[in-house]
Amino acid sequence: MYLINFHAKPKPESRHARNCSGAYVNCWIDFAAADGAKVLARHFVEKNGWVPSPRSKTLFVSGPQNGQARRLSREAKTYGYSLAFYCYPNPKSRRNK
């Protein structure tokens, strides 16, 4: 299991673009090879309407997890991947006024 961290920006046509300037994304990928896990992580982030930065941090995860990490790693074991987006607001958003 790999945990891959990206910084991402919403695609202009994405539903997230109105309220988010960007996000930090944790991608839990259940895949044998790190390079393949990175390719899959980028694919799933892009498929969800985001543009991942070229840089990422990859960690091999083994052993028990706690809290939200446990839930996300179990989801990745079941479906092959799990994504957690930690958005920060768009200062131009009406919500923030």
PDB file of N, CA and C in Angstrom:
ATOM      1  N   MET A   1       0.866  -1.175   0.000  1.00  0.00           N
ATOM      2  CA  MET A   1       0.000   0.000   0.000  1.00  0.00           C
ATOM      3  C   MET A   1       0.908   1.232   0.000  1.00  0.00           C
ATOM      4  N   TYR A   2       0.551   2.189  -0.846  1.00  0.00           N
ATOM      5  CA  TYR A   2       1.307   3.434  -0.918  1.00  0.00           C
ATOM      6  C   TYR A   2       0.408   4.612  -0.557  1.00  0.00           C
ATOM      7  N   LEU A   3       1.002   5.568   0.128  1.00  0.00           N
ATOM      8  CA  LEU A   3       0.344   6.835   0.410  1.00  0.00           C
ATOM      9  C   LEU A   3       1.104   7.885  -0.383  1.00  0.00           C
ATOM     10  N   ILE A   4       0.412   8.505  -1.323  1.00  0.00           N
ATOM     11  CA  ILE A   4       1.034   9.492  -2.202  1.00  0.00           C
ATOM     12  C   ILE A   4       0.365  10.833  -1.951  1.00  0.00           C
ATOM     13  N   ASN A   5       1.188  11.844  -1.649  1.00  0.00           N
ATOM     14  CA  ASN A   5       0.689  13.187  -1.355  1.00  0.00           C
ATOM     15  C   ASN A   5       0.981  14.118  -2.516  1.00  0.00           C
ATOM     16  N   PHE A   6      -0.054  14.865  -2.921  1.00  0.00           N
ATOM     17  CA  PHE A   6       0.055  15.869  -3.982  1.00  0.00           C
ATOM     18  C   PHE A   6      -0.499  17.195  -3.478  1.00  0.00           C
ATOM     19  N   HIS A   7      -0.044  18.238  -4.119  1.00  0.00           N
ATOM     20  CA  HIS A   7      -0.750  19.510  -4.062  1.00  0.00           C
ATOM     21  C   HIS A   7      -1.474  19.577  -5.402  1.00  0.00           C
ATOM     22  N   ALA A   8      -2.724  20.038  -5.409  1.00  0.00           N
ATOM     23  CA  ALA A   8      -3.487  20.078  -6.657  1.00  0.00           C
ATOM     24  C   ALA A   8      -4.303  21.356  -6.748  1.00  0.00           C
ATOM     25  N   LYS A   9      -4.574  21.748  -7.976  1.00  0.00           N
ATOM     26  CA  LYS A   9      -5.441  22.896  -8.273  1.00  0.00           C
ATOM     27  C   LYS A   9      -6.682  22.371  -8.986  1.00  0.00           C
ATOM     28  N   PRO A  10      -7.848  22.963  -8.720  1.00  0.00           N
ATOM     29  CA  PRO A  10      -9.040  22.492  -9.437  1.00  0.00           C
ATOM     30  C   PRO A  10      -8.987  22.905 -10.910  1.00  0.00           C
ATOM     31  N   LYS A  11      -9.472  22.027 -11.771  1.00  0.00           N
ATOM     32  CA  LYS A  11      -9.605  22.384 -13.174  1.00  0.00           C
ATOM     33  C   LYS A  11     -10.641  23.496 -13.277  1.00  0.00           C
ATOM     34  N   PRO A  12     -10.478  24.453 -14.203  1.00  0.00           N
ATOM     35  CA  PRO A  12     -11.415  25.576 -14.302  1.00  0.00           C
ATOM     36  C   PRO A  12     -12.876  25.144 -14.441  1.00  0.00           C
ATOM     37  N   GLU A  13     -13.128  24.039 -15.139  1.00  0.00           N
ATOM     38  CA  GLU A  13     -14.503  23.578 -15.339  1.00  0.00           C
ATOM     39  C   GLU A  13     -15.005  22.717 -14.173  1.00  0.00           C
ATOM     40  N   SER A  14     -14.144  22.462 -13.217  1.00  0.00           N
ATOM     41  CA  SER A  14     -14.507  21.615 -12.078  1.00  0.00           C
ATOM     42  C   SER A  14     -15.495  22.323 -11.145  1.00  0.00           C
ATOM     43  N   ARG A  15     -16.337  21.545 -10.506  1.00  0.00           N
ATOM     44  CA  ARG A  15     -17.281  22.118  -9.534  1.00  0.00           C
ATOM     45  C   ARG A  15     -16.551  22.665  -8.309  1.00  0.00           C
ATOM     46  N   HIS A  16     -15.297  22.293  -8.134  1.00  0.00           N
ATOM     47  CA  HIS A  16     -14.519  22.752  -6.989  1.00  0.00           C
ATOM     48  C   HIS A  16     -13.885  24.120  -7.220  1.00  0.00           C
ATOM     49  N   ALA A  17     -13.778  24.529  -8.468  1.00  0.00           N
ATOM     50  CA  ALA A  17     -13.044  25.752  -8.812  1.00  0.00           C
ATOM     51  C   ALA A  17     -13.659  27.002  -8.187  1.00  0.00           C
ATOM     52  N   ARG A  18     -14.938  26.999  -7.984  1.00  0.00           N
ATOM     53  CA  ARG A  18     -15.601  28.192  -7.443  1.00  0.00           C
ATOM     54  C   ARG A  18     -15.215  28.464  -5.987  1.00  0.00           C
ATOM     55  N   ASN A  19     -15.061  27.405  -5.200  1.00  0.00           N
ATOM     56  CA  ASN A  19     -14.841  27.580  -3.767  1.00  0.00           C
ATOM     57  C   ASN A  19     -13.442  27.229  -3.276  1.00  0.00           C
ATOM     58  N   CYS A  20     -12.659  26.552  -4.095  1.00  0.00           N
ATOM     59  CA  CYS A  20     -11.329  26.110  -3.663  1.00  0.00           C
ATOM     60  C   CYS A  20     -10.238  26.697  -4.543  1.00  0.00           C
ATOM     61  N   SER A  21      -9.185  27.172  -3.903  1.00  0.00           N
ATOM     62  CA  SER A  21      -8.001  27.600  -4.658  1.00  0.00           C
ATOM     63  C   SER A  21      -7.091  26.418  -4.934  1.00  0.00           C
ATOM     64  N   GLY A  22      -7.139  25.445  -4.054  1.00  0.00           N
ATOM     65  CA  GLY A  22      -6.289  24.275  -4.199  1.00  0.00           C
ATOM     66  C   GLY A  22      -6.584  23.292  -3.087  1.00  0.00           C
ATOM     67  N   ALA A  23      -5.824  22.213  -3.093  1.00  0.00           N
ATOM     68  CA  ALA A  23      -6.004  21.181  -2.073  1.00  0.00           C
ATOM     69  C   ALA A  23      -4.728  20.375  -1.932  1.00  0.00           C
ATOM     70  N   TYR A  24      -4.572  19.831  -0.758  1.00  0.00           N
ATOM     71  CA  TYR A  24      -3.563  18.809  -0.525  1.00  0.00           C
ATOM     72  C   TYR A  24      -4.313  17.492  -0.595  1.00  0.00           C
ATOM     73  N   VAL A  25      -3.777  16.548  -1.359  1.00  0.00           N
ATOM     74  CA  VAL A  25      -4.481  15.295  -1.623  1.00  0.00           C
ATOM     75  C   VAL A  25      -3.649  14.126  -1.115  1.00  0.00           C
ATOM     76  N   ASN A  26      -4.287  13.289  -0.308  1.00  0.00           N
ATOM     77  CA  ASN A  26      -3.688  12.035   0.123  1.00  0.00           C
ATOM     78  C   ASN A  26      -4.316  10.917  -0.693  1.00  0.00           C
ATOM     79  N   CYS A  27      -3.500  10.200  -1.425  1.00  0.00           N
ATOM     80  CA  CYS A  27      -3.964   9.098  -2.266  1.00  0.00           C
ATOM     81  C   CYS A  27      -3.447   7.792  -1.681  1.00  0.00           C
ATOM     82  N   TRP A  28      -4.351   6.968  -1.212  1.00  0.00           N
ATOM     83  CA  TRP A  28      -4.014   5.637  -0.733  1.00  0.00           C
ATOM     84  C   TRP A  28      -4.210   4.693  -1.911  1.00  0.00           C
ATOM     85  N   ILE A  29      -3.122   4.056  -2.350  1.00  0.00           N
ATOM     86  CA  ILE A  29      -3.165   3.194  -3.535  1.00  0.00           C
ATOM     87  C   ILE A  29      -2.656   1.803  -3.151  1.00  0.00           C
ATOM     88  N   ASP A  30      -3.488   0.807  -3.381  1.00  0.00           N
ATOM     89  CA  ASP A  30      -3.103  -0.577  -3.117  1.00  0.00           C
ATOM     90  C   ASP A  30      -2.574  -1.171  -4.417  1.00  0.00           C
ATOM     91  N   PHE A  31      -1.271  -1.075  -4.591  1.00  0.00           N
ATOM     92  CA  PHE A  31      -0.628  -1.522  -5.822  1.00  0.00           C
ATOM     93  C   PHE A  31       0.766  -2.024  -5.470  1.00  0.00           C
ATOM     94  N   ALA A  32       1.276  -2.968  -6.226  1.00  0.00           N
ATOM     95  CA  ALA A  32       2.551  -3.605  -5.899  1.00  0.00           C
ATOM     96  C   ALA A  32       3.768  -2.699  -6.107  1.00  0.00           C
ATOM     97  N   ALA A  33       3.765  -1.877  -7.153  1.00  0.00           N
ATOM     98  CA  ALA A  33       4.940  -1.073  -7.506  1.00  0.00           C
ATOM     99  C   ALA A  33       4.685   0.411  -7.277  1.00  0.00           C
ATOM    100  N   ALA A  34       5.695   1.092  -6.734  1.00  0.00           N
ATOM    101  CA  ALA A  34       5.575   2.522  -6.438  1.00  0.00           C
ATOM    102  C   ALA A  34       5.304   3.347  -7.692  1.00  0.00           C
ATOM    103  N   ASP A  35       6.004   3.069  -8.782  1.00  0.00           N
ATOM    104  CA  ASP A  35       5.807   3.842 -10.022  1.00  0.00           C
ATOM    105  C   ASP A  35       4.383   3.695 -10.544  1.00  0.00           C
ATOM    106  N   GLY A  36       3.863   2.484 -10.510  1.00  0.00           N
ATOM    107  CA  GLY A  36       2.482   2.250 -10.933  1.00  0.00           C
ATOM    108  C   GLY A  36       1.486   2.934 -10.013  1.00  0.00           C
ATOM    109  N   ALA A  37       1.774   2.943  -8.723  1.00  0.00           N
ATOM    110  CA  ALA A  37       0.895   3.613  -7.760  1.00  0.00           C
ATOM    111  C   ALA A  37       0.837   5.114  -8.036  1.00  0.00           C
ATOM    112  N   LYS A  38       1.967   5.701  -8.394  1.00  0.00           N
ATOM    113  CA  LYS A  38       2.002   7.141  -8.719  1.00  0.00           C
ATOM    114  C   LYS A  38       1.160   7.445  -9.949  1.00  0.00           C
ATOM    115  N   VAL A  39       1.283   6.604 -10.969  1.00  0.00           N
ATOM    116  CA  VAL A  39       0.496   6.795 -12.194  1.00  0.00           C
ATOM    117  C   VAL A  39      -0.996   6.703 -11.872  1.00  0.00           C
ATOM    118  N   LEU A  40      -1.373   5.713 -11.099  1.00  0.00           N
ATOM    119  CA  LEU A  40      -2.781   5.559 -10.710  1.00  0.00           C
ATOM    120  C   LEU A  40      -3.261   6.748  -9.885  1.00  0.00           C
ATOM    121  N   ALA A  41      -2.454   7.201  -8.945  1.00  0.00           N
ATOM    122  CA  ALA A  41      -2.843   8.336  -8.103  1.00  0.00           C
ATOM    123  C   ALA A  41      -3.112   9.573  -8.961  1.00  0.00           C
ATOM    124  N   ARG A  42      -2.224   9.874  -9.878  1.00  0.00           N
ATOM    125  CA  ARG A  42      -2.428  11.027 -10.780  1.00  0.00           C
ATOM    126  C   ARG A  42      -3.712  10.866 -11.584  1.00  0.00           C
ATOM    127  N   HIS A  43      -3.935   9.679 -12.088  1.00  0.00           N
ATOM    128  CA  HIS A  43      -5.145   9.411 -12.871  1.00  0.00           C
ATOM    129  C   HIS A  43      -6.399   9.703 -12.046  1.00  0.00           C
ATOM    130  N   PHE A  44      -6.470   9.192 -10.821  1.00  0.00           N
ATOM    131  CA  PHE A  44      -7.664   9.363 -10.003  1.00  0.00           C
ATOM    132  C   PHE A  44      -7.857  10.817  -9.567  1.00  0.00           C
ATOM    133  N   VAL A  45      -6.772  11.534  -9.306  1.00  0.00           N
ATOM    134  CA  VAL A  45      -6.878  12.958  -8.945  1.00  0.00           C
ATOM    135  C   VAL A  45      -7.409  13.740 -10.140  1.00  0.00           C
ATOM    136  N   GLU A  46      -6.872  13.494 -11.330  1.00  0.00           N
ATOM    137  CA  GLU A  46      -7.328  14.181 -12.543  1.00  0.00           C
ATOM    138  C   GLU A  46      -8.782  13.827 -12.860  1.00  0.00           C
ATOM    139  N   LYS A  47      -9.144  12.577 -12.690  1.00  0.00           N
ATOM    140  CA  LYS A  47     -10.512  12.127 -12.957  1.00  0.00           C
ATOM    141  C   LYS A  47     -11.523  12.836 -12.057  1.00  0.00           C
ATOM    142  N   ASN A  48     -11.077  13.273 -10.882  1.00  0.00           N
ATOM    143  CA  ASN A  48     -11.944  13.969  -9.945  1.00  0.00           C
ATOM    144  C   ASN A  48     -11.937  15.483 -10.123  1.00  0.00           C
ATOM    145  N   GLY A  49     -11.378  15.969 -11.242  1.00  0.00           N
ATOM    146  CA  GLY A  49     -11.459  17.394 -11.564  1.00  0.00           C
ATOM    147  C   GLY A  49     -10.315  18.248 -11.044  1.00  0.00           C
ATOM    148  N   TRP A  50      -9.174  17.645 -10.805  1.00  0.00           N
ATOM    149  CA  TRP A  50      -8.028  18.370 -10.260  1.00  0.00           C
ATOM    150  C   TRP A  50      -6.801  18.174 -11.136  1.00  0.00           C
ATOM    151  N   VAL A  51      -5.870  19.133 -11.040  1.00  0.00           N
ATOM    152  CA  VAL A  51      -4.588  19.042 -11.741  1.00  0.00           C
ATOM    153  C   VAL A  51      -3.508  18.880 -10.675  1.00  0.00           C
ATOM    154  N   PRO A  52      -2.924  17.684 -10.564  1.00  0.00           N
ATOM    155  CA  PRO A  52      -1.897  17.479  -9.543  1.00  0.00           C
ATOM    156  C   PRO A  52      -0.580  18.141  -9.933  1.00  0.00           C
ATOM    157  N   SER A  53       0.140  18.608  -8.931  1.00  0.00           N
ATOM    158  CA  SER A  53       1.455  19.190  -9.191  1.00  0.00           C
ATOM    159  C   SER A  53       2.405  18.088  -9.656  1.00  0.00           C
ATOM    160  N   PRO A  54       3.475  18.466 -10.345  1.00  0.00           N
ATOM    161  CA  PRO A  54       4.410  17.451 -10.825  1.00  0.00           C
ATOM    162  C   PRO A  54       5.143  16.741  -9.676  1.00  0.00           C
ATOM    163  N   ARG A  55       5.258  17.422  -8.555  1.00  0.00           N
ATOM    164  CA  ARG A  55       5.971  16.839  -7.413  1.00  0.00           C
ATOM    165  C   ARG A  55       4.994  16.093  -6.511  1.00  0.00           C
ATOM    166  N   SER A  56       5.475  15.010  -5.954  1.00  0.00           N
ATOM    167  CA  SER A  56       4.669  14.247  -5.007  1.00  0.00           C
ATOM    168  C   SER A  56       5.596  13.604  -3.989  1.00  0.00           C
ATOM    169  N   LYS A  57       4.997  13.173  -2.910  1.00  0.00           N
ATOM    170  CA  LYS A  57       5.737  12.451  -1.883  1.00  0.00           C
ATOM    171  C   LYS A  57       5.101  11.072  -1.778  1.00  0.00           C
ATOM    172  N   THR A  58       5.917  10.037  -1.840  1.00  0.00           N
ATOM    173  CA  THR A  58       5.407   8.672  -1.816  1.00  0.00           C
ATOM    174  C   THR A  58       5.944   7.941  -0.591  1.00  0.00           C
ATOM    175  N   LEU A  59       5.045   7.327   0.144  1.00  0.00           N
ATOM    176  CA  LEU A  59       5.415   6.537   1.314  1.00  0.00           C
ATOM    177  C   LEU A  59       4.859   5.129   1.172  1.00  0.00           C
ATOM    178  N   PHE A  60       5.662   4.149   1.504  1.00  0.00           N
ATOM    179  CA  PHE A  60       5.168   2.785   1.574  1.00  0.00           C
ATOM    180  C   PHE A  60       4.574   2.608   2.963  1.00  0.00           C
ATOM    181  N   VAL A  61       3.339   2.140   3.031  1.00  0.00           N
ATOM    182  CA  VAL A  61       2.639   2.015   4.306  1.00  0.00           C
ATOM    183  C   VAL A  61       2.402   0.541   4.595  1.00  0.00           C
ATOM    184  N   SER A  62       2.851   0.134   5.763  1.00  0.00           N
ATOM    185  CA  SER A  62       2.567  -1.226   6.218  1.00  0.00           C
ATOM    186  C   SER A  62       2.261  -1.156   7.699  1.00  0.00           C
ATOM    187  N   GLY A  63       1.546  -2.113   8.174  1.00  0.00           N
ATOM    188  CA  GLY A  63       1.199  -2.135   9.584  1.00  0.00           C
ATOM    189  C   GLY A  63      -0.106  -1.428   9.858  1.00  0.00           C
ATOM    190  N   PRO A  64      -0.535  -1.467  11.105  1.00  0.00           N
ATOM    191  CA  PRO A  64      -1.840  -0.903  11.477  1.00  0.00           C
ATOM    192  C   PRO A  64      -1.870   0.624  11.391  1.00  0.00           C
ATOM    193  N   GLN A  65      -3.045   1.138  11.059  1.00  0.00           N
ATOM    194  CA  GLN A  65      -3.283   2.579  10.972  1.00  0.00           C
ATOM    195  C   GLN A  65      -4.291   2.974  12.054  1.00  0.00           C
ATOM    196  N   ASN A  66      -4.346   4.241  12.367  1.00  0.00           N
ATOM    197  CA  ASN A  66      -5.302   4.752  13.347  1.00  0.00           C
ATOM    198  C   ASN A  66      -6.227   5.779  12.716  1.00  0.00           C
ATOM    199  N   GLY A  67      -7.409   5.933  13.276  1.00  0.00           N
ATOM    200  CA  GLY A  67      -8.329   6.990  12.895  1.00  0.00           C
ATOM    201  C   GLY A  67      -8.700   6.993  11.423  1.00  0.00           C
ATOM    202  N   GLN A  68      -8.636   8.195  10.831  1.00  0.00           N
ATOM    203  CA  GLN A  68      -9.024   8.360   9.439  1.00  0.00           C
ATOM    204  C   GLN A  68      -8.119   7.553   8.512  1.00  0.00           C
ATOM    205  N   ALA A  69      -6.845   7.448   8.848  1.00  0.00           N
ATOM    206  CA  ALA A  69      -5.919   6.665   8.027  1.00  0.00           C
ATOM    207  C   ALA A  69      -6.373   5.210   7.952  1.00  0.00           C
ATOM    208  N   ARG A  70      -6.908   4.682   9.037  1.00  0.00           N
ATOM    209  CA  ARG A  70      -7.402   3.304   9.036  1.00  0.00           C
ATOM    210  C   ARG A  70      -8.569   3.159   8.059  1.00  0.00           C
ATOM    211  N   ARG A  71      -9.503   4.100   8.118  1.00  0.00           N
ATOM    212  CA  ARG A  71     -10.661   4.051   7.225  1.00  0.00           C
ATOM    213  C   ARG A  71     -10.232   4.144   5.766  1.00  0.00           C
ATOM    214  N   LEU A  72      -9.323   5.080   5.464  1.00  0.00           N
ATOM    215  CA  LEU A  72      -8.874   5.279   4.083  1.00  0.00           C
ATOM    216  C   LEU A  72      -8.063   4.091   3.568  1.00  0.00           C
ATOM    217  N   SER A  73      -7.226   3.511   4.404  1.00  0.00           N
ATOM    218  CA  SER A  73      -6.443   2.356   3.964  1.00  0.00           C
ATOM    219  C   SER A  73      -7.340   1.132   3.767  1.00  0.00           C
ATOM    220  N   ARG A  74      -8.367   0.971   4.601  1.00  0.00           N
ATOM    221  CA  ARG A  74      -9.322  -0.126   4.391  1.00  0.00           C
ATOM    222  C   ARG A  74     -10.095   0.055   3.094  1.00  0.00           C
ATOM    223  N   GLU A  75     -10.484   1.294   2.820  1.00  0.00           N
ATOM    224  CA  GLU A  75     -11.188   1.589   1.568  1.00  0.00           C
ATOM    225  C   GLU A  75     -10.291   1.253   0.371  1.00  0.00           C
ATOM    226  N   ALA A  76      -9.009   1.604   0.470  1.00  0.00           N
ATOM    227  CA  ALA A  76      -8.069   1.301  -0.614  1.00  0.00           C
ATOM    228  C   ALA A  76      -7.880  -0.207  -0.769  1.00  0.00           C
ATOM    229  N   LYS A  77      -7.898  -0.939   0.315  1.00  0.00           N
ATOM    230  CA  LYS A  77      -7.797  -2.407   0.225  1.00  0.00           C
ATOM    231  C   LYS A  77      -9.016  -2.985  -0.483  1.00  0.00           C
ATOM    232  N   THR A  78     -10.180  -2.384  -0.256  1.00  0.00           N
ATOM    233  CA  THR A  78     -11.416  -2.876  -0.866  1.00  0.00           C
ATOM    234  C   THR A  78     -11.521  -2.484  -2.335  1.00  0.00           C
ATOM    235  N   TYR A  79     -11.260  -1.210  -2.653  1.00  0.00           N
ATOM    236  CA  TYR A  79     -11.491  -0.682  -4.005  1.00  0.00           C
ATOM    237  C   TYR A  79     -10.217  -0.457  -4.822  1.00  0.00           C
ATOM    238  N   GLY A  80      -9.063  -0.566  -4.200  1.00  0.00           N
ATOM    239  CA  GLY A  80      -7.805  -0.342  -4.898  1.00  0.00           C
ATOM    240  C   GLY A  80      -7.230   1.050  -4.682  1.00  0.00           C
ATOM    241  N   TYR A  81      -8.087   1.986  -4.272  1.00  0.00           N
ATOM    242  CA  TYR A  81      -7.617   3.348  -4.007  1.00  0.00           C
ATOM    243  C   TYR A  81      -8.603   4.072  -3.098  1.00  0.00           C
ATOM    244  N   SER A  82      -8.105   5.127  -2.489  1.00  0.00           N
ATOM    245  CA  SER A  82      -8.936   6.028  -1.694  1.00  0.00           C
ATOM    246  C   SER A  82      -8.279   7.400  -1.741  1.00  0.00           C
ATOM    247  N   LEU A  83      -9.090   8.434  -1.863  1.00  0.00           N
ATOM    248  CA  LEU A  83      -8.570   9.800  -1.960  1.00  0.00           C
ATOM    249  C   LEU A  83      -9.143  10.661  -0.843  1.00  0.00           C
ATOM    250  N   ALA A  84      -8.312  11.507  -0.269  1.00  0.00           N
ATOM    251  CA  ALA A  84      -8.761  12.487   0.717  1.00  0.00           C
ATOM    252  C   ALA A  84      -8.258  13.855   0.262  1.00  0.00           C
ATOM    253  N   PHE A  85      -9.190  14.772  -0.002  1.00  0.00           N
ATOM    254  CA  PHE A  85      -8.865  16.130  -0.452  1.00  0.00           C
ATOM    255  C   PHE A  85      -9.002  17.084   0.732  1.00  0.00           C
ATOM    256  N   TYR A  86      -7.954  17.841   1.002  1.00  0.00           N
ATOM    257  CA  TYR A  86      -7.967  18.849   2.060  1.00  0.00           C
ATOM    258  C   TYR A  86      -7.875  20.206   1.370  1.00  0.00           C
ATOM    259  N   CYS A  87      -9.053  20.782   1.091  1.00  0.00           N
ATOM    260  CA  CYS A  87      -9.158  22.007   0.296  1.00  0.00           C
ATOM    261  C   CYS A  87      -8.895  23.243   1.138  1.00  0.00           C
ATOM    262  N   TYR A  88      -8.362  24.253   0.470  1.00  0.00           N
ATOM    263  CA  TYR A  88      -8.300  25.571   1.089  1.00  0.00           C
ATOM    264  C   TYR A  88      -9.108  26.515   0.206  1.00  0.00           C
ATOM    265  N   PRO A  89      -9.736  27.516   0.834  1.00  0.00           N
ATOM    266  CA  PRO A  89     -10.742  28.326   0.131  1.00  0.00           C
ATOM    267  C   PRO A  89     -10.170  29.246  -0.926  1.00  0.00           C
ATOM    268  N   ASN A  90     -11.070  29.561  -1.857  1.00  0.00           N
ATOM    269  CA  ASN A  90     -10.795  30.554  -2.879  1.00  0.00           C
ATOM    270  C   ASN A  90     -11.168  31.905  -2.291  1.00  0.00           C
ATOM    271  N   PRO A  91     -10.225  32.849  -2.192  1.00  0.00           N
ATOM    272  CA  PRO A  91     -10.555  34.149  -1.596  1.00  0.00           C
ATOM    273  C   PRO A  91     -11.630  34.917  -2.360  1.00  0.00           C
ATOM    274  N   LYS A  92     -11.855  34.556  -3.624  1.00  0.00           N
ATOM    275  CA  LYS A  92     -12.872  35.235  -4.426  1.00  0.00           C
ATOM    276  C   LYS A  92     -14.246  34.613  -4.267  1.00  0.00           C
ATOM    277  N   SER A  93     -14.333  33.537  -3.533  1.00  0.00           N
ATOM    278  CA  SER A  93     -15.593  32.824  -3.356  1.00  0.00           C
ATOM    279  C   SER A  93     -16.579  33.660  -2.535  1.00  0.00           C
ATOM    280  N   ARG A  94     -17.837  33.622  -2.916  1.00  0.00           N
ATOM    281  CA  ARG A  94     -18.865  34.344  -2.168  1.00  0.00           C
ATOM    282  C   ARG A  94     -19.021  33.793  -0.757  1.00  0.00           C
ATOM    283  N   ARG A  95     -18.759  32.522  -0.608  1.00  0.00           N
ATOM    284  CA  ARG A  95     -18.878  31.881   0.697  1.00  0.00           C
ATOM    285  C   ARG A  95     -17.974  32.525   1.738  1.00  0.00           C
ATOM    286  N   ASN A  96     -16.858  33.052   1.301  1.00  0.00           N
ATOM    287  CA  ASN A  96     -15.869  33.610   2.216  1.00  0.00           C
ATOM    288  C   ASN A  96     -16.070  35.092   2.488  1.00  0.00           C
ATOM    289  N   LYS A  97     -17.109  35.691   1.929  1.00  0.00           N
ATOM    290  CA  LYS A  97     -17.338  37.128   2.132  1.00  0.00           C
ATOM    291  C   LYS A  97     -18.306  37.361   3.240  1.00  0.00           C
TER     292      LYS A  97
END
